[in-house]
Amino acid sequence: MEAVSNVFLVLHFVGLAALFGGFLAQMTSATKQITNGMLHGALLSLIAGIVLVGVSYPLNDQDSTAYPLYDNSKISVKLLIVAAILIIGYTSKRKSKNSGQGDTAAWATVGLLALTNIIIAVFW
């Protein structure tokens, strides 16, 4: 079970890297938009995070000192943030597909929300 947890933790980090890396890669670009890689990274982070929370309960039953449970309020806030990222991202992609232009405001919002999620994960 610990191996499953570690695999999904790596996948969670890979999704985060795709999301935030896609944001950072466009910092100097004239046209900023939410890319498919950013959305796929957010979705991967969401799915891997849900699995991590689900796996934490059996691990906690085995050894509660080595595997403490996650703070459910923290997980709820992070879940809401990644849901907002996905909603903004897919809405922006649909809008930019119709207009053919980038959406700098949505790009900046998604990037700031991703950074907020990182900060919550580290400091809370």
C-alpha atoms as a PDB file:
ATOM      1  CA  MET A   1       0.000   0.000   0.000  1.00  0.00           C
ATOM      2  CA  GLU A   2       2.919   2.317   0.714  1.00  0.00           C
ATOM      3  CA  ALA A   3       4.249   1.743  -2.806  1.00  0.00           C
ATOM      4  CA  VAL A   4       0.879   2.765  -4.254  1.00  0.00           C
ATOM      5  CA  SER A   5       0.949   5.908  -2.149  1.00  0.00           C
ATOM      6  CA  ASN A   6       4.459   6.758  -3.360  1.00  0.00           C
ATOM      7  CA  VAL A   7       3.556   6.187  -7.016  1.00  0.00           C
ATOM      8  CA  PHE A   8       0.553   8.486  -6.756  1.00  0.00           C
ATOM      9  CA  LEU A   9       2.584  11.083  -4.881  1.00  0.00           C
ATOM     10  CA  VAL A  10       5.009  11.149  -7.820  1.00  0.00           C
ATOM     11  CA  LEU A  11       2.077  11.424 -10.250  1.00  0.00           C
ATOM     12  CA  HIS A  12       0.669  14.271  -8.138  1.00  0.00           C
ATOM     13  CA  PHE A  13       3.999  16.106  -8.445  1.00  0.00           C
ATOM     14  CA  VAL A  14       4.179  15.427 -12.199  1.00  0.00           C
ATOM     15  CA  GLY A  15       0.711  16.924 -12.648  1.00  0.00           C
ATOM     16  CA  LEU A  16       1.708  19.933 -10.586  1.00  0.00           C
ATOM     17  CA  ALA A  17       4.860  20.367 -12.666  1.00  0.00           C
ATOM     18  CA  ALA A  18       2.850  20.229 -15.900  1.00  0.00           C
ATOM     19  CA  LEU A  19       0.354  22.795 -14.618  1.00  0.00           C
ATOM     20  CA  PHE A  20       2.769  25.279 -13.082  1.00  0.00           C
ATOM     21  CA  GLY A  21       5.498  24.626 -15.675  1.00  0.00           C
ATOM     22  CA  GLY A  22       3.043  25.438 -18.467  1.00  0.00           C
ATOM     23  CA  PHE A  23       2.235  28.674 -16.688  1.00  0.00           C
ATOM     24  CA  LEU A  24       5.894  29.617 -16.216  1.00  0.00           C
ATOM     25  CA  ALA A  25       6.819  28.694 -19.787  1.00  0.00           C
ATOM     26  CA  GLN A  26       4.515  31.405 -21.106  1.00  0.00           C
ATOM     27  CA  MET A  27       5.746  34.229 -18.877  1.00  0.00           C
ATOM     28  CA  THR A  28       7.617  35.929 -21.728  1.00  0.00           C
ATOM     29  CA  SER A  29       5.145  34.986 -24.458  1.00  0.00           C
ATOM     30  CA  ALA A  30       3.122  37.780 -26.043  1.00  0.00           C
ATOM     31  CA  THR A  31      -0.032  35.663 -26.243  1.00  0.00           C
ATOM     32  CA  LYS A  32      -0.794  33.821 -23.053  1.00  0.00           C
ATOM     33  CA  GLN A  33      -3.288  30.982 -22.960  1.00  0.00           C
ATOM     34  CA  ILE A  34      -4.113  27.877 -21.008  1.00  0.00           C
ATOM     35  CA  THR A  35      -2.599  24.885 -22.768  1.00  0.00           C
ATOM     36  CA  ASN A  36      -3.856  21.326 -22.916  1.00  0.00           C
ATOM     37  CA  GLY A  37      -0.790  20.258 -20.930  1.00  0.00           C
ATOM     38  CA  MET A  38      -1.750  22.600 -18.105  1.00  0.00           C
ATOM     39  CA  LEU A  39      -5.269  21.176 -17.986  1.00  0.00           C
ATOM     40  CA  HIS A  40      -4.047  17.592 -18.146  1.00  0.00           C
ATOM     41  CA  GLY A  41      -1.595  18.359 -15.346  1.00  0.00           C
ATOM     42  CA  ALA A  42      -4.383  19.792 -13.188  1.00  0.00           C
ATOM     43  CA  LEU A  43      -6.560  16.759 -13.857  1.00  0.00           C
ATOM     44  CA  LEU A  44      -3.682  14.392 -13.050  1.00  0.00           C
ATOM     45  CA  SER A  45      -3.018  16.260  -9.798  1.00  0.00           C
ATOM     46  CA  LEU A  46      -6.696  16.041  -8.884  1.00  0.00           C
ATOM     47  CA  ILE A  47      -6.987  12.316  -9.524  1.00  0.00           C
ATOM     48  CA  ALA A  48      -3.668  11.503  -7.851  1.00  0.00           C
ATOM     49  CA  GLY A  49      -4.586  13.665  -4.854  1.00  0.00           C
ATOM     50  CA  ILE A  50      -7.894  11.880  -4.419  1.00  0.00           C
ATOM     51  CA  VAL A  51      -6.124   8.512  -4.534  1.00  0.00           C
ATOM     52  CA  LEU A  52      -3.527   9.748  -2.013  1.00  0.00           C
ATOM     53  CA  VAL A  53      -6.255  10.701   0.434  1.00  0.00           C
ATOM     54  CA  GLY A  54      -8.026   7.378  -0.107  1.00  0.00           C
ATOM     55  CA  VAL A  55      -4.843   5.365   0.431  1.00  0.00           C
ATOM     56  CA  SER A  56      -3.952   7.286   3.587  1.00  0.00           C
ATOM     57  CA  TYR A  57      -6.760   5.661   5.579  1.00  0.00           C
ATOM     58  CA  PRO A  58      -5.606   2.020   5.240  1.00  0.00           C
ATOM     59  CA  LEU A  59      -2.012   3.110   5.855  1.00  0.00           C
ATOM     60  CA  ASN A  60      -3.121   4.952   8.993  1.00  0.00           C
ATOM     61  CA  ASP A  61      -4.915   1.816  10.186  1.00  0.00           C
ATOM     62  CA  GLN A  62      -1.631  -0.108   9.865  1.00  0.00           C
ATOM     63  CA  ASP A  63       0.549   2.417  11.709  1.00  0.00           C
ATOM     64  CA  SER A  64      -0.982   5.707  12.779  1.00  0.00           C
ATOM     65  CA  THR A  65       2.315   7.238  13.914  1.00  0.00           C
ATOM     66  CA  ALA A  66       4.133   6.603  10.622  1.00  0.00           C
ATOM     67  CA  TYR A  67       1.131   7.493   8.426  1.00  0.00           C
ATOM     68  CA  PRO A  68      -0.948  10.287   9.947  1.00  0.00           C
ATOM     69  CA  LEU A  69      -4.199  11.248   8.267  1.00  0.00           C
ATOM     70  CA  TYR A  70      -4.405  14.379   6.140  1.00  0.00           C
ATOM     71  CA  ASP A  71      -6.142  17.475   7.453  1.00  0.00           C
ATOM     72  CA  ASN A  72      -9.568  17.287   5.782  1.00  0.00           C
ATOM     73  CA  SER A  73     -10.055  21.060   5.780  1.00  0.00           C
ATOM     74  CA  LYS A  74      -6.738  21.497   3.953  1.00  0.00           C
ATOM     75  CA  ILE A  75      -7.667  18.824   1.438  1.00  0.00           C
ATOM     76  CA  SER A  76     -11.084  20.462   0.900  1.00  0.00           C
ATOM     77  CA  VAL A  77      -9.521  23.850   0.188  1.00  0.00           C
ATOM     78  CA  LYS A  78      -6.999  22.309  -2.208  1.00  0.00           C
ATOM     79  CA  LEU A  79      -9.794  20.377  -3.927  1.00  0.00           C
ATOM     80  CA  LEU A  80     -11.821  23.554  -4.413  1.00  0.00           C
ATOM     81  CA  ILE A  81      -8.800  25.346  -5.845  1.00  0.00           C
ATOM     82  CA  VAL A  82      -8.026  22.616  -8.380  1.00  0.00           C
ATOM     83  CA  ALA A  83     -11.735  22.456  -9.302  1.00  0.00           C
ATOM     84  CA  ALA A  84     -11.651  26.216  -9.933  1.00  0.00           C
ATOM     85  CA  ILE A  85      -8.502  25.782 -12.034  1.00  0.00           C
ATOM     86  CA  LEU A  86     -10.219  23.139 -14.170  1.00  0.00           C
ATOM     87  CA  ILE A  87     -13.430  25.170 -14.569  1.00  0.00           C
ATOM     88  CA  ILE A  88     -11.554  28.336 -15.524  1.00  0.00           C
ATOM     89  CA  GLY A  89      -9.234  26.377 -17.783  1.00  0.00           C
ATOM     90  CA  TYR A  90     -11.872  24.503 -19.749  1.00  0.00           C
ATOM     91  CA  THR A  91     -14.051  27.621 -20.029  1.00  0.00           C
ATOM     92  CA  SER A  92     -11.097  29.638 -21.294  1.00  0.00           C
ATOM     93  CA  LYS A  93     -10.121  26.931 -23.790  1.00  0.00           C
ATOM     94  CA  ARG A  94     -13.633  26.888 -25.206  1.00  0.00           C
ATOM     95  CA  LYS A  95     -13.732  30.687 -25.402  1.00  0.00           C
ATOM     96  CA  SER A  96     -10.292  30.980 -27.024  1.00  0.00           C
ATOM     97  CA  LYS A  97     -11.175  28.201 -29.476  1.00  0.00           C
ATOM     98  CA  ASN A  98     -14.127  30.268 -30.696  1.00  0.00           C
ATOM     99  CA  SER A  99     -12.279  33.600 -30.785  1.00  0.00           C
ATOM    100  CA  GLY A 100      -8.828  32.344 -31.804  1.00  0.00           C
ATOM    101  CA  GLN A 101      -7.120  34.537 -29.170  1.00  0.00           C
ATOM    102  CA  GLY A 102      -5.380  33.827 -25.896  1.00  0.00           C
ATOM    103  CA  ASP A 103      -6.897  34.647 -22.527  1.00  0.00           C
ATOM    104  CA  THR A 104      -4.315  36.380 -20.361  1.00  0.00           C
ATOM    105  CA  ALA A 105      -6.664  36.904 -17.409  1.00  0.00           C
ATOM    106  CA  ALA A 106      -7.596  33.218 -17.235  1.00  0.00           C
ATOM    107  CA  TRP A 107      -3.946  32.227 -17.665  1.00  0.00           C
ATOM    108  CA  ALA A 108      -2.876  34.506 -14.801  1.00  0.00           C
ATOM    109  CA  THR A 109      -5.732  33.327 -12.581  1.00  0.00           C
ATOM    110  CA  VAL A 110      -4.889  29.664 -13.150  1.00  0.00           C
ATOM    111  CA  GLY A 111      -1.210  30.326 -12.464  1.00  0.00           C
ATOM    112  CA  LEU A 112      -1.942  32.182  -9.233  1.00  0.00           C
ATOM    113  CA  LEU A 113      -4.356  29.482  -8.089  1.00  0.00           C
ATOM    114  CA  ALA A 114      -1.732  26.809  -8.814  1.00  0.00           C
ATOM    115  CA  LEU A 115       0.834  28.787  -6.810  1.00  0.00           C
ATOM    116  CA  THR A 116      -1.700  29.161  -4.000  1.00  0.00           C
ATOM    117  CA  ASN A 117      -2.194  25.388  -3.963  1.00  0.00           C
ATOM    118  CA  ILE A 118       1.568  24.889  -3.701  1.00  0.00           C
ATOM    119  CA  ILE A 119       1.819  27.374  -0.834  1.00  0.00           C
ATOM    120  CA  ILE A 120      -1.057  25.681   1.017  1.00  0.00           C
ATOM    121  CA  ALA A 121       0.587  22.277   0.557  1.00  0.00           C
ATOM    122  CA  VAL A 122       3.891  23.485   1.976  1.00  0.00           C
ATOM    123  CA  PHE A 123       2.908  25.833   4.785  1.00  0.00           C
ATOM    124  CA  TRP A 124      -0.442  24.560   6.096  1.00  0.00           C
END
